Each structure stands twice: as structure tokens, then as C-alpha cells.
Amino acid sequence: MFYVFGGRNESGEPLDVVQKYYPETYGVEDQFPILFFPGPVAQYVNAQTDIWSDRFQFHDYDWLPQKDQCINTPIVPDRPPTQGGGGQGAVPLNTLPEPLYGHAAVTLESKGNLFPPPVWPESHYCYVFILGGINDSGVPVATMRWFNVWATPAERQQDEEPSAGDYSVVSEMPVERAYHRAFVTLPDKLTDKPWRIVVVGGFDRNGNYISQVDEYTFDSITDPRTGTWRTVANVSEAAAGAGAGWQEDDRGMVYRQMGGRTVDGYTGSVYDVLSNGSMSLAPTGLIPRGWAGATGVRVYNDFYTPGGDFYIVGGLTQMGMDTIVEHYRP
């Protein structure tokens, strides 16, 4: 599933709307038997299609086991407010506490991100953290909020501050930011390496581009809700709309800022920031552009040592909108 928070409408007005996206055939029921004991022991969803929804319900009734020729009608497309038979009805997703655009969001989840995985009494989790953005007053904010994907939205009155887990405030970033980048570095239970959120670039409430790289370290690997901020370093070119990512190499943990819009125009510079605070300019530059989509891919070599490949997609250059895709391998 995917969540989309806020943004702007066609008139440029900031939104507080939250929507949830269900990909086609999402929800293969009982995956364990399917993987290890092939046969008619589980079902796929019944002709479920891609759908956007502003309602919450987990799980869907068409996931439930079927008997004989009984077909459970899919409920995703219309998300009815109630469901017969005493089951849980769908409820509206709460809106954001304030309209936001130009913000960033990252996901922390236990499945696939921890080795070894959680065991009893530890529990699985999936949290989204929403960082910064511009509110309906046109002012960038420093707020970081926590959203619990698995929790049914708590009922609240209009203009009431969210309860815990429903876009509740976790912390304030060291500086307010808009059009910044945020990414998550993965933990490791074996080495006690914690979850971290790293924030790069953007501009503040005075319109100044931000050079500092800030890092939020969580207190717990198995329940990441609280932690502390620190400023790791300042890059030489402050930028908004920059690409960002991370990798581990022989220098340790490396945070990377790629391109972006600076006070002197678009840049293609790539800056490596180490967790010890040192900073260096990479010898290879990229196409000067900003507001591009950028993502990092962890690639393991023959010795299972993670490297890093980065893809930069589209964005704006001095000549206008760009469709180029770049592959950057440090």
C-alpha cells in the first residue's frame, strides 16, 4: 500500500487530504502456504483493481477464506462505512492537522529491514514520518510527525490535535525545511546499529537554502518512535530540490547530496558527508538540475558487501523540464 499526504491542488492551494492506494491484487491471503505448500490452500483477491481511497479498513473481506462457490465481494472500490455480520467497518482516514506541501515522508518497517527479524514479545510495525513542508500560511515548518500505518484512525473533532500515532508530533527538526530530501538508513540487530532518518537541503522560512545535513537517531531498533537530532555537517553548496541517498563503503556510513537548486542556479555537484562530520566533493558531477526524482539502490557484490547505485530522474534544468535518467555509481 502507498500513502499520499497533502500537496497542492490545481489552484495552488495546500491540501490536508490523506489517501491510501491499493495496488491491483494486493492482499494475497496466507502467503506461507502458497510459498511452501502449493495448492488450493489460499486465495487471491477477487478481481480487485487499483484504487485510491480516503478510507481505512484492514483487512478486506474478500481476503477471507471461501467455501464451495461462495465468493466474498471485494469492498475496496467503495469502502462502505459499515459491513454486515459484526465485522469492522471502514472509517475515514483523518486529514493532516494542517495543510502541507513541499514536505518529505519516509517509512520505517520491521519486515525485511531487520536481521534477525523481531521475535515475541517484540511486534511488527510500519511507521511513516512526515517532515517539514509549507503550511497554509506559506511558512516552512520544522515539525516531524509520526503516523502508525496499522492503527485504525482515532476519531477526533475538527481542529483537534491528533492523538498518538495519528500524525502526532514526534520532534522538531533543527531547522524548518521545505523542498528538502529525507531518507532512512537501515538498522542491524546483530551489530546494534540503530534506525536513522537523514534530512538534506531545502530552504527555510526566510527563503535561504539550507546547507546542513541533519540526522535523527532512534532510541530503539524494535520500536522506533523516539530519538534525538544532531547536525552532521554542512555541505559547500546549499541546495533545495536536491537528490539524496546513502551507502556504506570503506569510509563507513556515507550520506550523499546530489545536484539541486542553489543561489547560483542549478548544480550537478555530488557531496559525500560521513557520519563523523567530514565532507568531500565527489570527482564525478551530474547534469545540473533540481527537483529531480532520485533514489538509491543497495547492490551486494560477491562478498555480500553493500555498495550503492543511484538513479536521478527528470527534474528542472536551466533549459526547462528534463526527461533524462542518470545512473550514478560512486
C-alpha atoms as a PDB file:
ATOM      1  CA  MET A   1       0.000   0.000   0.000  1.00  0.00           C
ATOM      2  CA  PHE A   2       1.017   3.606  -0.570  1.00  0.00           C
ATOM      3  CA  TYR A   3       0.023   6.745   1.295  1.00  0.00           C
ATOM      4  CA  VAL A   4      -0.057  10.280  -0.079  1.00  0.00           C
ATOM      5  CA  PHE A   5      -0.137  13.195   2.358  1.00  0.00           C
ATOM      6  CA  GLY A   6      -1.136  16.736   1.470  1.00  0.00           C
ATOM      7  CA  GLY A   7       0.266  18.557  -1.560  1.00  0.00           C
ATOM      8  CA  ARG A   8      -1.390  21.292  -3.647  1.00  0.00           C
ATOM      9  CA  ASN A   9      -4.424  21.331  -5.896  1.00  0.00           C
ATOM     10  CA  GLU A  10      -4.671  22.779  -9.407  1.00  0.00           C
ATOM     11  CA  SER A  11      -5.240  26.242  -7.925  1.00  0.00           C
ATOM     12  CA  GLY A  12      -2.018  26.026  -5.917  1.00  0.00           C
ATOM     13  CA  GLU A  13      -3.772  25.765  -2.563  1.00  0.00           C
ATOM     14  CA  PRO A  14      -2.190  23.475   0.045  1.00  0.00           C
ATOM     15  CA  LEU A  15      -4.146  20.347   0.997  1.00  0.00           C
ATOM     16  CA  ASP A  16      -4.584  18.327   4.181  1.00  0.00           C
ATOM     17  CA  VAL A  17      -6.041  15.306   2.379  1.00  0.00           C
ATOM     18  CA  VAL A  18      -4.611  11.845   3.043  1.00  0.00           C
ATOM     19  CA  GLN A  19      -5.201   8.998   0.598  1.00  0.00           C
ATOM     20  CA  LYS A  20      -4.281   5.343   0.521  1.00  0.00           C
ATOM     21  CA  TYR A  21      -3.507   3.404  -2.650  1.00  0.00           C
ATOM     22  CA  TYR A  22      -4.272  -0.296  -3.009  1.00  0.00           C
ATOM     23  CA  PRO A  23      -2.340  -1.871  -5.915  1.00  0.00           C
ATOM     24  CA  GLU A  24      -4.116  -4.431  -8.046  1.00  0.00           C
ATOM     25  CA  THR A  25      -4.384  -7.865  -6.381  1.00  0.00           C
ATOM     26  CA  TYR A  26      -2.853  -6.551  -3.172  1.00  0.00           C
ATOM     27  CA  GLY A  27      -3.584  -8.917  -0.315  1.00  0.00           C
ATOM     28  CA  VAL A  28      -2.635 -12.469  -1.214  1.00  0.00           C
ATOM     29  CA  GLU A  29      -4.109 -14.310   1.692  1.00  0.00           C
ATOM     30  CA  ASP A  30      -1.932 -16.613   3.771  1.00  0.00           C
ATOM     31  CA  GLN A  31       1.297 -16.349   1.793  1.00  0.00           C
ATOM     32  CA  PHE A  32       3.126 -19.003   3.805  1.00  0.00           C
ATOM     33  CA  PRO A  33       1.136 -21.974   2.431  1.00  0.00           C
ATOM     34  CA  ILE A  34       1.383 -20.570  -1.078  1.00  0.00           C
ATOM     35  CA  LEU A  35       5.159 -20.436  -0.909  1.00  0.00           C
ATOM     36  CA  PHE A  36       5.819 -23.784   0.727  1.00  0.00           C
ATOM     37  CA  PHE A  37       2.735 -25.915   0.028  1.00  0.00           C
ATOM     38  CA  PRO A  38       1.375 -25.091  -3.430  1.00  0.00           C
ATOM     39  CA  GLY A  39      -2.269 -25.935  -3.899  1.00  0.00           C
ATOM     40  CA  PRO A  40      -5.756 -24.607  -3.173  1.00  0.00           C
ATOM     41  CA  VAL A  41      -4.951 -23.618   0.392  1.00  0.00           C
ATOM     42  CA  ALA A  42      -5.276 -19.855  -0.018  1.00  0.00           C
ATOM     43  CA  GLN A  43      -6.955 -17.387  -2.304  1.00  0.00           C
ATOM     44  CA  TYR A  44      -6.077 -14.293  -4.262  1.00  0.00           C
ATOM     45  CA  VAL A  45      -8.356 -11.289  -4.041  1.00  0.00           C
ATOM     46  CA  ASN A  46     -11.471 -11.372  -6.199  1.00  0.00           C
ATOM     47  CA  ALA A  47     -10.885  -9.198  -9.262  1.00  0.00           C
ATOM     48  CA  GLN A  48      -9.658  -6.325  -7.128  1.00  0.00           C
ATOM     49  CA  THR A  49      -8.485  -3.347  -9.164  1.00  0.00           C
ATOM     50  CA  ASP A  50      -6.146  -0.460  -8.485  1.00  0.00           C
ATOM     51  CA  ILE A  51      -7.965   2.028  -6.307  1.00  0.00           C
ATOM     52  CA  TRP A  52      -7.365   5.260  -4.419  1.00  0.00           C
ATOM     53  CA  SER A  53      -9.276   5.598  -1.176  1.00  0.00           C
ATOM     54  CA  ASP A  54      -9.615   8.069   1.677  1.00  0.00           C
ATOM     55  CA  ARG A  55     -10.855   5.301   3.974  1.00  0.00           C
ATOM     56  CA  PHE A  56      -9.129   2.787   6.236  1.00  0.00           C
ATOM     57  CA  GLN A  57     -10.021  -0.853   6.667  1.00  0.00           C
ATOM     58  CA  PHE A  58      -7.801  -3.814   7.386  1.00  0.00           C
ATOM     59  CA  HIS A  59      -8.273  -6.455   6.305  1.00  0.00           C
ATOM     60  CA  ASP A  60     -10.647  -6.678   3.316  1.00  0.00           C
ATOM     61  CA  TYR A  61     -13.444  -9.205   3.422  1.00  0.00           C
ATOM     62  CA  ASP A  62     -12.538 -10.603   0.024  1.00  0.00           C
ATOM     63  CA  TRP A  63      -9.335 -11.892   1.601  1.00  0.00           C
ATOM     64  CA  LEU A  64     -11.278 -14.244   3.844  1.00  0.00           C
ATOM     65  CA  PRO A  65     -11.382 -17.992   3.075  1.00  0.00           C
ATOM     66  CA  GLN A  66     -14.045 -19.054   0.616  1.00  0.00           C
ATOM     67  CA  LYS A  67     -16.186 -22.184   0.842  1.00  0.00           C
ATOM     68  CA  ASP A  68     -17.601 -24.047  -2.138  1.00  0.00           C
ATOM     69  CA  GLN A  69     -18.865 -21.476  -4.646  1.00  0.00           C
ATOM     70  CA  CYS A  70     -19.227 -18.679  -2.104  1.00  0.00           C
ATOM     71  CA  ILE A  71     -17.487 -15.532  -3.340  1.00  0.00           C
ATOM     72  CA  ASN A  72     -16.712 -12.684  -0.977  1.00  0.00           C
ATOM     73  CA  THR A  73     -17.435  -9.485  -2.849  1.00  0.00           C
ATOM     74  CA  PRO A  74     -14.477  -7.055  -2.948  1.00  0.00           C
ATOM     75  CA  ILE A  75     -15.077  -3.997  -0.795  1.00  0.00           C
ATOM     76  CA  VAL A  76     -12.058  -1.922  -1.699  1.00  0.00           C
ATOM     77  CA  PRO A  77     -13.606   0.141  -4.542  1.00  0.00           C
ATOM     78  CA  ASP A  78     -16.395   1.707  -2.495  1.00  0.00           C
ATOM     79  CA  ARG A  79     -15.109   1.336   1.063  1.00  0.00           C
ATOM     80  CA  PRO A  80     -18.538   1.165   2.745  1.00  0.00           C
ATOM     81  CA  PRO A  81     -18.756   2.820   6.167  1.00  0.00           C
ATOM     82  CA  THR A  82     -20.213  -0.347   7.694  1.00  0.00           C
ATOM     83  CA  GLN A  83     -20.066  -4.015   6.919  1.00  0.00           C
ATOM     84  CA  GLY A  84     -22.644  -6.612   7.956  1.00  0.00           C
ATOM     85  CA  GLY A  85     -22.029  -9.623  10.129  1.00  0.00           C
ATOM     86  CA  GLY A  86     -20.482  -7.749  13.004  1.00  0.00           C
ATOM     87  CA  GLY A  87     -17.251  -7.031  11.141  1.00  0.00           C
ATOM     88  CA  GLN A  88     -15.245  -3.863  11.425  1.00  0.00           C
ATOM     89  CA  GLY A  89     -16.456  -1.120   9.116  1.00  0.00           C
ATOM     90  CA  ALA A  90     -14.259   1.202   7.116  1.00  0.00           C
ATOM     91  CA  VAL A  91     -13.506   4.559   8.685  1.00  0.00           C
ATOM     92  CA  PRO A  92     -12.281   7.766   7.023  1.00  0.00           C
ATOM     93  CA  LEU A  93      -8.573   8.465   7.111  1.00  0.00           C
ATOM     94  CA  ASN A  94      -8.006  11.526   9.244  1.00  0.00           C
ATOM     95  CA  THR A  95      -6.722  14.593   7.460  1.00  0.00           C
ATOM     96  CA  LEU A  96      -3.410  16.189   8.377  1.00  0.00           C
ATOM     97  CA  PRO A  97      -3.509  18.654  11.288  1.00  0.00           C
ATOM     98  CA  GLU A  98      -2.602  21.396   8.802  1.00  0.00           C
ATOM     99  CA  PRO A  99      -2.342  21.591   5.003  1.00  0.00           C
ATOM    100  CA  LEU A 100       1.188  20.870   3.794  1.00  0.00           C
ATOM    101  CA  TYR A 101       3.197  20.816   0.596  1.00  0.00           C
ATOM    102  CA  GLY A 102       6.913  20.654  -0.120  1.00  0.00           C
ATOM    103  CA  HIS A 103       7.324  18.173   2.744  1.00  0.00           C
ATOM    104  CA  ALA A 104       9.097  14.801   2.904  1.00  0.00           C
ATOM    105  CA  ALA A 105       7.980  11.395   4.172  1.00  0.00           C
ATOM    106  CA  VAL A 106       9.880   8.193   4.969  1.00  0.00           C
ATOM    107  CA  THR A 107       8.818   4.729   6.111  1.00  0.00           C
ATOM    108  CA  LEU A 108      10.255   2.536   8.856  1.00  0.00           C
ATOM    109  CA  GLU A 109       9.026  -1.038   8.956  1.00  0.00           C
ATOM    110  CA  SER A 110      10.235  -4.185  10.623  1.00  0.00           C
ATOM    111  CA  LYS A 111       9.582  -6.651   7.817  1.00  0.00           C
ATOM    112  CA  GLY A 112      12.663  -7.135   5.682  1.00  0.00           C
ATOM    113  CA  ASN A 113      14.625  -4.353   7.390  1.00  0.00           C
ATOM    114  CA  LEU A 114      15.854  -6.156  10.494  1.00  0.00           C
ATOM    115  CA  PHE A 115      18.123  -9.150  10.721  1.00  0.00           C
ATOM    116  CA  PRO A 116      17.265 -11.241  12.590  1.00  0.00           C
ATOM    117  CA  PRO A 117      13.539 -10.295  12.494  1.00  0.00           C
ATOM    118  CA  PRO A 118      11.538  -9.385  15.589  1.00  0.00           C
ATOM    119  CA  VAL A 119      10.542 -12.203  17.941  1.00  0.00           C
ATOM    120  CA  TRP A 120       7.986 -12.351  20.743  1.00  0.00           C
ATOM    121  CA  PRO A 121       7.263 -10.137  22.643  1.00  0.00           C
ATOM    122  CA  GLU A 122       8.565  -7.702  20.032  1.00  0.00           C
ATOM    123  CA  SER A 123       5.997  -6.824  17.390  1.00  0.00           C
ATOM    124  CA  HIS A 124       5.989  -5.915  13.730  1.00  0.00           C
ATOM    125  CA  TYR A 125       5.448  -2.255  12.883  1.00  0.00           C
ATOM    126  CA  CYS A 126       5.136   0.104   9.946  1.00  0.00           C
ATOM    127  CA  TYR A 127       5.527   3.815  10.691  1.00  0.00           C
ATOM    128  CA  VAL A 128       5.580   6.829   8.382  1.00  0.00           C
ATOM    129  CA  PHE A 129       7.392  10.010   9.434  1.00  0.00           C
ATOM    130  CA  ILE A 130       6.318  13.280   7.806  1.00  0.00           C
ATOM    131  CA  LEU A 131       8.948  16.004   7.949  1.00  0.00           C
ATOM    132  CA  GLY A 132       8.654  19.748   7.417  1.00  0.00           C
ATOM    133  CA  GLY A 133       6.833  21.337   4.493  1.00  0.00           C
ATOM    134  CA  ILE A 134       4.987  24.589   3.874  1.00  0.00           C
ATOM    135  CA  ASN A 135       1.675  25.170   5.673  1.00  0.00           C
ATOM    136  CA  ASP A 136      -1.367  27.190   4.584  1.00  0.00           C
ATOM    137  CA  SER A 137       0.277  30.361   5.914  1.00  0.00           C
ATOM    138  CA  GLY A 138       3.057  29.911   3.360  1.00  0.00           C
ATOM    139  CA  VAL A 139       5.620  29.229   6.095  1.00  0.00           C
ATOM    140  CA  PRO A 140       8.029  26.259   6.173  1.00  0.00           C
ATOM    141  CA  VAL A 141       7.762  24.266   9.411  1.00  0.00           C
ATOM    142  CA  ALA A 142      10.229  22.132  11.370  1.00  0.00           C
ATOM    143  CA  THR A 143       7.715  19.577  12.629  1.00  0.00           C
ATOM    144  CA  MET A 144       8.282  15.829  12.342  1.00  0.00           C
ATOM    145  CA  ARG A 145       5.113  13.752  12.776  1.00  0.00           C
ATOM    146  CA  TRP A 146       4.631  10.034  13.345  1.00  0.00           C
ATOM    147  CA  PHE A 147       1.912   8.032  11.600  1.00  0.00           C
ATOM    148  CA  ASN A 148       1.161   4.413  12.521  1.00  0.00           C
ATOM    149  CA  VAL A 149       0.059   2.617   9.340  1.00  0.00           C
ATOM    150  CA  TRP A 150      -1.502  -0.309  11.225  1.00  0.00           C
ATOM    151  CA  ALA A 151      -3.630   1.729  13.626  1.00  0.00           C
ATOM    152  CA  THR A 152      -7.263   2.469  12.867  1.00  0.00           C
ATOM    153  CA  PRO A 153      -7.655   6.271  12.679  1.00  0.00           C
ATOM    154  CA  ALA A 154      -8.663   7.710  16.024  1.00  0.00           C
ATOM    155  CA  GLU A 155     -11.869   9.721  15.963  1.00  0.00           C
ATOM    156  CA  ARG A 156     -11.194  13.406  16.565  1.00  0.00           C
ATOM    157  CA  GLN A 157     -13.052  16.662  16.188  1.00  0.00           C
ATOM    158  CA  GLN A 158     -12.245  19.313  13.624  1.00  0.00           C
ATOM    159  CA  ASP A 159      -9.127  21.356  14.532  1.00  0.00           C
ATOM    160  CA  GLU A 160      -8.323  18.882  17.310  1.00  0.00           C
ATOM    161  CA  GLU A 161      -4.645  17.883  17.589  1.00  0.00           C
ATOM    162  CA  PRO A 162      -4.020  14.226  16.636  1.00  0.00           C
ATOM    163  CA  SER A 163      -3.695  11.514  19.248  1.00  0.00           C
ATOM    164  CA  ALA A 164      -0.611   9.306  19.428  1.00  0.00           C
ATOM    165  CA  GLY A 165       0.008   7.502  16.170  1.00  0.00           C
ATOM    166  CA  ASP A 166      -2.284   9.721  14.111  1.00  0.00           C
ATOM    167  CA  TYR A 167       0.134  12.310  12.661  1.00  0.00           C
ATOM    168  CA  SER A 168       1.246  13.059  16.228  1.00  0.00           C
ATOM    169  CA  VAL A 169       4.252  15.339  16.734  1.00  0.00           C
ATOM    170  CA  VAL A 170       7.458  13.431  17.465  1.00  0.00           C
ATOM    171  CA  SER A 171      10.051  16.177  17.384  1.00  0.00           C
ATOM    172  CA  GLU A 172      11.168  19.400  15.738  1.00  0.00           C
ATOM    173  CA  MET A 173      13.969  19.345  13.184  1.00  0.00           C
ATOM    174  CA  PRO A 174      16.943  21.603  13.954  1.00  0.00           C
ATOM    175  CA  VAL A 175      15.700  23.985  11.245  1.00  0.00           C
ATOM    176  CA  GLU A 176      12.413  24.367   9.369  1.00  0.00           C
ATOM    177  CA  ARG A 177      12.597  22.969   5.835  1.00  0.00           C
ATOM    178  CA  ALA A 178      10.656  22.841   2.574  1.00  0.00           C
ATOM    179  CA  TYR A 179      11.546  21.036  -0.652  1.00  0.00           C
ATOM    180  CA  HIS A 180      14.162  19.010   1.166  1.00  0.00           C
ATOM    181  CA  ARG A 181      15.054  15.326   0.917  1.00  0.00           C
ATOM    182  CA  ALA A 182      14.804  12.707   3.640  1.00  0.00           C
ATOM    183  CA  PHE A 183      15.927   9.092   3.629  1.00  0.00           C
ATOM    184  CA  VAL A 184      16.228   6.224   6.096  1.00  0.00           C
ATOM    185  CA  THR A 185      19.364   4.223   6.892  1.00  0.00           C
ATOM    186  CA  LEU A 186      18.634   0.627   7.840  1.00  0.00           C
ATOM    187  CA  PRO A 187      19.328  -0.883  11.271  1.00  0.00           C
ATOM    188  CA  ASP A 188      21.040  -4.134  12.159  1.00  0.00           C
ATOM    189  CA  LYS A 189      20.094  -6.004  15.310  1.00  0.00           C
ATOM    190  CA  LEU A 190      23.267  -8.099  15.224  1.00  0.00           C
ATOM    191  CA  THR A 191      25.527  -5.045  15.408  1.00  0.00           C
ATOM    192  CA  ASP A 192      23.059  -2.874  17.347  1.00  0.00           C
ATOM    193  CA  LYS A 193      23.074  -0.327  14.523  1.00  0.00           C
ATOM    194  CA  PRO A 194      20.023   1.930  15.011  1.00  0.00           C
ATOM    195  CA  TRP A 195      17.420   3.343  12.659  1.00  0.00           C
ATOM    196  CA  ARG A 196      18.275   6.830  11.389  1.00  0.00           C
ATOM    197  CA  ILE A 197      16.470   9.471   9.340  1.00  0.00           C
ATOM    198  CA  VAL A 198      18.750  11.860   7.457  1.00  0.00           C
ATOM    199  CA  VAL A 199      17.494  15.190   6.054  1.00  0.00           C
ATOM    200  CA  VAL A 200      19.307  17.110   3.312  1.00  0.00           C
ATOM    201  CA  GLY A 201      18.806  20.504   1.653  1.00  0.00           C
ATOM    202  CA  GLY A 202      15.652  22.568   1.270  1.00  0.00           C
ATOM    203  CA  PHE A 203      15.015  26.177   2.223  1.00  0.00           C
ATOM    204  CA  ASP A 204      13.928  27.822   5.474  1.00  0.00           C
ATOM    205  CA  ARG A 205      11.192  30.341   6.355  1.00  0.00           C
ATOM    206  CA  ASN A 206      13.378  33.218   5.131  1.00  0.00           C
ATOM    207  CA  GLY A 207      13.878  31.599   1.720  1.00  0.00           C
ATOM    208  CA  ASN A 208      17.514  30.734   2.446  1.00  0.00           C
ATOM    209  CA  TYR A 209      18.862  27.485   1.023  1.00  0.00           C
ATOM    210  CA  ILE A 210      19.961  25.054   3.742  1.00  0.00           C
ATOM    211  CA  SER A 211      23.441  23.521   3.773  1.00  0.00           C
ATOM    212  CA  GLN A 212      23.287  21.448   6.943  1.00  0.00           C
ATOM    213  CA  VAL A 213      22.750  17.709   6.958  1.00  0.00           C
ATOM    214  CA  ASP A 214      20.688  16.637   9.976  1.00  0.00           C
ATOM    215  CA  GLU A 215      20.401  13.147  11.406  1.00  0.00           C
ATOM    216  CA  TYR A 216      17.724  11.718  13.713  1.00  0.00           C
ATOM    217  CA  THR A 217      18.829   8.603  15.612  1.00  0.00           C
ATOM    218  CA  PHE A 218      16.107   6.446  17.147  1.00  0.00           C
ATOM    219  CA  ASP A 219      16.403   5.096  20.666  1.00  0.00           C
ATOM    220  CA  SER A 220      15.125   1.623  19.792  1.00  0.00           C
ATOM    221  CA  ILE A 221      15.530  -0.742  16.857  1.00  0.00           C
ATOM    222  CA  THR A 222      12.450  -2.776  17.723  1.00  0.00           C
ATOM    223  CA  ASP A 223      10.078   0.154  18.366  1.00  0.00           C
ATOM    224  CA  PRO A 224      11.423   3.315  16.667  1.00  0.00           C
ATOM    225  CA  ARG A 225       9.323   6.204  17.946  1.00  0.00           C
ATOM    226  CA  THR A 226      11.672   8.455  19.920  1.00  0.00           C
ATOM    227  CA  GLY A 227      15.213   9.684  19.387  1.00  0.00           C
ATOM    228  CA  THR A 228      17.465  12.734  19.074  1.00  0.00           C
ATOM    229  CA  TRP A 229      18.617  15.136  16.344  1.00  0.00           C
ATOM    230  CA  ARG A 230      22.166  16.213  15.538  1.00  0.00           C
ATOM    231  CA  THR A 231      23.682  18.237  12.707  1.00  0.00           C
ATOM    232  CA  VAL A 232      26.294  16.079  10.987  1.00  0.00           C
ATOM    233  CA  ALA A 233      27.940  18.612   8.649  1.00  0.00           C
ATOM    234  CA  ASN A 234      27.376  21.495   6.236  1.00  0.00           C
ATOM    235  CA  VAL A 235      27.887  20.984   2.513  1.00  0.00           C
ATOM    236  CA  SER A 236      29.632  23.625   0.437  1.00  0.00           C
ATOM    237  CA  GLU A 237      26.591  24.274  -1.780  1.00  0.00           C
ATOM    238  CA  ALA A 238      23.295  24.791  -0.015  1.00  0.00           C
ATOM    239  CA  ALA A 239      20.510  23.497  -2.272  1.00  0.00           C
ATOM    240  CA  ALA A 240      16.782  22.788  -2.478  1.00  0.00           C
ATOM    241  CA  GLY A 241      15.238  20.007  -4.543  1.00  0.00           C
ATOM    242  CA  ALA A 242      18.459  18.008  -4.380  1.00  0.00           C
ATOM    243  CA  GLY A 243      18.695  14.256  -4.747  1.00  0.00           C
ATOM    244  CA  ALA A 244      19.906  12.337  -1.724  1.00  0.00           C
ATOM    245  CA  GLY A 245      20.776   8.841  -0.566  1.00  0.00           C
ATOM    246  CA  TRP A 246      23.249   6.783   1.418  1.00  0.00           C
ATOM    247  CA  GLN A 247      25.639   3.868   1.222  1.00  0.00           C
ATOM    248  CA  GLU A 248      28.284   2.102   3.282  1.00  0.00           C
ATOM    249  CA  ASP A 249      31.826   1.741   1.968  1.00  0.00           C
ATOM    250  CA  ASP A 250      35.337   1.556   3.397  1.00  0.00           C
ATOM    251  CA  ARG A 251      34.825   5.043   4.867  1.00  0.00           C
ATOM    252  CA  GLY A 252      31.804   3.899   6.854  1.00  0.00           C
ATOM    253  CA  MET A 253      28.328   5.406   6.524  1.00  0.00           C
ATOM    254  CA  VAL A 254      28.156   7.968   3.700  1.00  0.00           C
ATOM    255  CA  TYR A 255      25.281  10.438   3.216  1.00  0.00           C
ATOM    256  CA  ARG A 256      25.052  11.887  -0.281  1.00  0.00           C
ATOM    257  CA  GLN A 257      23.615  15.143  -1.671  1.00  0.00           C
ATOM    258  CA  MET A 258      23.256  15.205  -5.470  1.00  0.00           C
ATOM    259  CA  GLY A 259      22.522  18.306  -7.536  1.00  0.00           C
ATOM    260  CA  GLY A 260      19.717  20.722  -6.683  1.00  0.00           C
ATOM    261  CA  ARG A 261      18.927  24.414  -6.975  1.00  0.00           C
ATOM    262  CA  THR A 262      21.402  26.780  -5.346  1.00  0.00           C
ATOM    263  CA  VAL A 263      21.615  30.550  -5.039  1.00  0.00           C
ATOM    264  CA  ASP A 264      23.797  30.492  -8.191  1.00  0.00           C
ATOM    265  CA  GLY A 265      21.450  28.273 -10.213  1.00  0.00           C
ATOM    266  CA  TYR A 266      21.290  24.527 -10.780  1.00  0.00           C
ATOM    267  CA  THR A 267      24.231  22.365  -9.761  1.00  0.00           C
ATOM    268  CA  GLY A 268      25.392  18.860 -10.623  1.00  0.00           C
ATOM    269  CA  SER A 269      27.779  18.564  -7.703  1.00  0.00           C
ATOM    270  CA  VAL A 270      27.752  15.432  -5.553  1.00  0.00           C
ATOM    271  CA  TYR A 271      28.751  15.807  -1.902  1.00  0.00           C
ATOM    272  CA  ASP A 272      29.671  12.920   0.381  1.00  0.00           C
ATOM    273  CA  VAL A 273      29.080  13.509   4.078  1.00  0.00           C
ATOM    274  CA  LEU A 274      30.479  10.973   6.522  1.00  0.00           C
ATOM    275  CA  SER A 275      28.804  10.280   9.834  1.00  0.00           C
ATOM    276  CA  ASN A 276      31.925  11.637  11.588  1.00  0.00           C
ATOM    277  CA  GLY A 277      31.225  15.077  10.077  1.00  0.00           C
ATOM    278  CA  SER A 278      33.797  15.171   7.284  1.00  0.00           C
ATOM    279  CA  MET A 279      32.615  16.275   3.850  1.00  0.00           C
ATOM    280  CA  SER A 280      34.074  15.886   0.359  1.00  0.00           C
ATOM    281  CA  LEU A 281      33.124  16.765  -3.220  1.00  0.00           C
ATOM    282  CA  ALA A 282      32.845  13.697  -5.448  1.00  0.00           C
ATOM    283  CA  PRO A 283      35.078  13.805  -8.563  1.00  0.00           C
ATOM    284  CA  THR A 284      32.172  12.932 -10.869  1.00  0.00           C
ATOM    285  CA  GLY A 285      29.458  15.508 -11.400  1.00  0.00           C
ATOM    286  CA  LEU A 286      25.929  15.015 -12.704  1.00  0.00           C
ATOM    287  CA  ILE A 287      23.716  17.004 -15.064  1.00  0.00           C
ATOM    288  CA  PRO A 288      22.965  20.295 -13.272  1.00  0.00           C
ATOM    289  CA  ARG A 289      19.295  20.089 -12.277  1.00  0.00           C
ATOM    290  CA  GLY A 290      16.922  20.278  -9.362  1.00  0.00           C
ATOM    291  CA  TRP A 291      13.600  18.852  -8.204  1.00  0.00           C
ATOM    292  CA  ALA A 292      14.507  15.552  -9.821  1.00  0.00           C
ATOM    293  CA  GLY A 293      13.336  12.205  -8.547  1.00  0.00           C
ATOM    294  CA  ALA A 294      16.259  10.368  -7.001  1.00  0.00           C
ATOM    295  CA  THR A 295      16.644   7.003  -5.351  1.00  0.00           C
ATOM    296  CA  GLY A 296      19.450   4.794  -4.108  1.00  0.00           C
ATOM    297  CA  VAL A 297      19.682   1.038  -4.645  1.00  0.00           C
ATOM    298  CA  ARG A 298      21.674  -1.250  -2.378  1.00  0.00           C
ATOM    299  CA  VAL A 299      23.667  -3.666  -4.548  1.00  0.00           C
ATOM    300  CA  TYR A 300      25.606  -6.531  -2.969  1.00  0.00           C
ATOM    301  CA  ASN A 301      28.805  -7.824  -4.513  1.00  0.00           C
ATOM    302  CA  ASP A 302      30.190 -11.377  -4.391  1.00  0.00           C
ATOM    303  CA  PHE A 303      31.263 -10.852  -0.780  1.00  0.00           C
ATOM    304  CA  TYR A 304      27.796  -9.557   0.224  1.00  0.00           C
ATOM    305  CA  THR A 305      29.197  -6.110   0.913  1.00  0.00           C
ATOM    306  CA  PRO A 306      26.574  -3.481   0.099  1.00  0.00           C
ATOM    307  CA  GLY A 307      27.511  -0.907  -2.494  1.00  0.00           C
ATOM    308  CA  GLY A 308      25.383   1.906  -3.811  1.00  0.00           C
ATOM    309  CA  ASP A 309      23.820   2.735  -7.153  1.00  0.00           C
ATOM    310  CA  PHE A 310      21.793   5.918  -7.588  1.00  0.00           C
ATOM    311  CA  TYR A 311      19.229   6.928 -10.199  1.00  0.00           C
ATOM    312  CA  ILE A 312      18.271  10.561 -10.891  1.00  0.00           C
ATOM    313  CA  VAL A 313      15.108  11.044 -12.930  1.00  0.00           C
ATOM    314  CA  GLY A 314      13.658  14.132 -14.644  1.00  0.00           C
ATOM    315  CA  GLY A 315      13.524  17.481 -12.860  1.00  0.00           C
ATOM    316  CA  LEU A 316      14.329  21.015 -13.987  1.00  0.00           C
ATOM    317  CA  THR A 317      17.456  22.278 -15.708  1.00  0.00           C
ATOM    318  CA  GLN A 318      18.419  25.731 -16.929  1.00  0.00           C
ATOM    319  CA  MET A 319      16.711  24.808 -20.232  1.00  0.00           C
ATOM    320  CA  GLY A 320      13.428  23.762 -18.606  1.00  0.00           C
ATOM    321  CA  MET A 321      11.850  20.414 -17.750  1.00  0.00           C
ATOM    322  CA  ASP A 322      14.032  17.349 -18.211  1.00  0.00           C
ATOM    323  CA  THR A 323      13.246  13.705 -19.071  1.00  0.00           C
ATOM    324  CA  ILE A 324      16.777  12.336 -18.682  1.00  0.00           C
ATOM    325  CA  VAL A 325      17.521   9.419 -16.352  1.00  0.00           C
ATOM    326  CA  GLU A 326      21.047   9.224 -14.949  1.00  0.00           C
ATOM    327  CA  HIS A 327      22.703   6.221 -13.321  1.00  0.00           C
ATOM    328  CA  TYR A 328      25.391   7.200 -10.833  1.00  0.00           C
ATOM    329  CA  ARG A 329      27.727   4.627  -9.350  1.00  0.00           C
ATOM    330  CA  PRO A 330      30.352   6.109  -6.999  1.00  0.00           C
END
